[in-house]
Every structure is written in C-alpha cells, then in structure tokens.
Amino acid sequence: MSRACGSPGNCRDHPGGYRIYGSFVSPTFCTGVALTGIGMLTLTGNNVAMDSFGPISDNANGIGEMAALEPKARQIMADLDAVGNTTKAITKGIAIGSASLPRFRSLAPL
C-alpha cells in the first residue's frame, strides 16, 4: 500500500517529486514553470505599450470615417486597425499566460 503523495519525498515511485492531479511532477519542472512565468511578467511594460496600439488605431479609423477622408487614406487606416486588433489579441494571450504560469507552480506543495 503506497502512501499519499503531495509532499516532497512522499511518493514511493518517485522520491522527491510531487503528484498533482494524479500525475508526477518533478520539483525542477515546477521551478522552471515559475521562472518562465516570472520571465513573462518582466515584459509587462512592453505588453502594455503594444496593447495600446489597438484602441488608438481603432479610434483613428473612426475619426477618418467620420471626417469622410479619401478612400486611400481610409484603406490605410483600416489596415492599421486590423493590425491593432491582431496586436490586441496577441498581447491578451501573453497577459493570460504570464498570469497563469505562476499559478500552476503554486498548485504544487512547497
């Protein structure tokens, strides 16, 4: 009969490891996940700057539309608006990833 896993060295099959939701996870892996999350959080300033491009280009496109600018200028603004929407989606994914990675590390007991 094996003992319950959940603290370091408490697993008969994997000494020094953790069991999280029934799967074996090594302490080195957990530390790597935590450091990856911290590394992603160091880019927060860059993500905030990139995140502001989407609404700015969207507002510029709306102003150009209301001002009835020539079609070539409106096409350029529409293209920039599409790039802004893509940038917004990418930075949102990075923000979610950088916030969730340290949380995964906290699931493992210390």
Protein backbone atom coordinates (compact mmCIF):
# COMPACT_ATOMS: atom_id res chain seq x y z
CA MET A 1 0.00 0.00 0.00
CA SER A 2 1.55 3.29 -1.08
CA ARG A 3 1.39 6.44 0.95
CA ALA A 4 -0.45 9.51 -0.29
CA CYS A 5 1.59 11.79 -2.47
CA GLY A 6 1.60 15.53 -2.11
CA SER A 7 4.79 16.50 -0.36
CA PRO A 8 8.41 16.09 -1.40
CA GLY A 9 9.79 12.61 -0.92
CA ASN A 10 6.40 11.19 -0.05
CA CYS A 11 5.94 9.21 -3.27
CA ARG A 12 7.21 5.67 -3.22
CA ASP A 13 7.56 5.51 -7.00
CA HIS A 14 9.10 8.96 -7.44
CA PRO A 15 11.11 10.09 -4.41
CA GLY A 16 11.48 13.85 -4.25
CA GLY A 17 8.60 14.51 -6.63
CA TYR A 18 5.03 15.72 -6.41
CA ARG A 19 1.73 14.30 -7.53
CA ILE A 20 -0.61 16.92 -8.91
CA TYR A 21 -3.99 15.61 -10.05
CA GLY A 22 -2.53 12.12 -10.24
CA SER A 23 0.47 12.98 -12.41
CA PHE A 24 4.08 13.01 -11.30
CA VAL A 25 5.77 16.41 -11.46
CA SER A 26 9.40 16.94 -10.52
CA PRO A 27 10.42 19.92 -8.37
CA THR A 28 12.76 21.06 -11.16
CA PHE A 29 9.83 21.25 -13.56
CA CYS A 30 7.81 23.30 -11.07
CA THR A 31 10.70 25.71 -10.62
CA GLY A 32 11.09 26.03 -14.38
CA VAL A 33 7.40 26.86 -14.74
CA ALA A 34 7.68 29.52 -12.03
CA LEU A 35 10.75 31.08 -13.63
CA THR A 36 9.06 31.10 -17.03
CA GLY A 37 6.11 32.97 -15.52
CA ILE A 38 8.43 35.49 -13.90
CA GLY A 39 10.24 35.93 -17.21
CA MET A 40 6.95 36.65 -18.94
CA LEU A 41 5.99 39.14 -16.24
CA THR A 42 9.18 41.11 -16.88
CA LEU A 43 7.76 42.02 -20.29
CA THR A 44 4.67 43.67 -18.80
CA GLY A 45 5.72 47.20 -19.80
CA ASN A 46 6.25 46.10 -23.38
CA ASN A 47 2.87 44.35 -23.43
CA VAL A 48 1.08 47.43 -22.10
CA ALA A 49 2.72 49.58 -24.78
CA MET A 50 1.77 47.10 -27.51
CA ASP A 51 -1.73 46.75 -26.09
CA SER A 52 -2.40 50.46 -26.51
CA PHE A 53 -1.87 50.29 -30.30
CA GLY A 54 -5.22 48.57 -30.94
CA PRO A 55 -7.57 51.18 -29.43
CA ILE A 56 -5.51 54.07 -30.84
CA SER A 57 -5.68 52.73 -34.39
CA ASP A 58 -9.36 51.92 -33.96
CA ASN A 59 -10.09 55.50 -32.85
CA ALA A 60 -8.06 56.89 -35.75
CA ASN A 61 -10.07 54.75 -38.17
CA GLY A 62 -13.32 56.01 -36.66
CA ILE A 63 -12.21 59.63 -36.90
CA GLY A 64 -11.16 59.13 -40.52
CA GLU A 65 -14.53 57.56 -41.26
CA MET A 66 -16.46 60.46 -39.69
CA ALA A 67 -14.27 63.01 -41.48
CA ALA A 68 -15.05 61.36 -44.83
CA LEU A 69 -11.41 61.11 -45.86
CA GLU A 70 -10.41 59.88 -49.29
CA PRO A 71 -10.63 56.10 -49.87
CA LYS A 72 -6.86 55.53 -49.97
CA ALA A 73 -6.40 57.11 -46.52
CA ARG A 74 -9.34 55.14 -45.13
CA GLN A 75 -7.90 51.89 -46.53
CA ILE A 76 -4.57 52.58 -44.82
CA MET A 77 -6.36 53.24 -41.52
CA ALA A 78 -8.46 50.11 -41.94
CA ASP A 79 -5.29 48.06 -42.46
CA LEU A 80 -3.72 49.61 -39.36
CA ASP A 81 -6.92 48.85 -37.45
CA ALA A 82 -6.66 45.18 -38.46
CA VAL A 83 -3.06 45.09 -37.25
CA GLY A 84 -4.19 46.72 -34.00
CA ASN A 85 -6.83 44.04 -33.45
CA THR A 86 -4.24 41.31 -34.02
CA THR A 87 -1.80 43.00 -31.65
CA LYS A 88 -4.52 43.27 -29.01
CA ALA A 89 -5.26 39.54 -29.27
CA ILE A 90 -1.59 38.59 -29.05
CA THR A 91 -0.92 40.77 -26.00
CA LYS A 92 -4.06 39.43 -24.31
CA GLY A 93 -2.77 35.88 -24.78
CA ILE A 94 0.62 36.83 -23.36
CA ALA A 95 -1.03 38.51 -20.37
CA ILE A 96 -3.16 35.44 -19.64
CA GLY A 97 -0.15 33.15 -19.99
CA SER A 98 2.08 35.24 -17.76
CA ALA A 99 -0.60 35.41 -15.09
CA SER A 100 -1.45 31.70 -15.16
CA LEU A 101 2.05 30.17 -15.21
CA PRO A 102 2.98 31.22 -11.64
CA ARG A 103 -0.41 29.94 -10.51
CA PHE A 104 0.40 26.48 -11.85
CA ARG A 105 3.53 26.46 -9.73
CA SER A 106 1.52 27.30 -6.63
CA LEU A 107 -0.53 24.11 -7.08
CA ALA A 108 2.49 22.04 -6.04
CA PRO A 109 3.18 21.88 -2.34
CA LEU A 110 6.36 23.52 -1.17
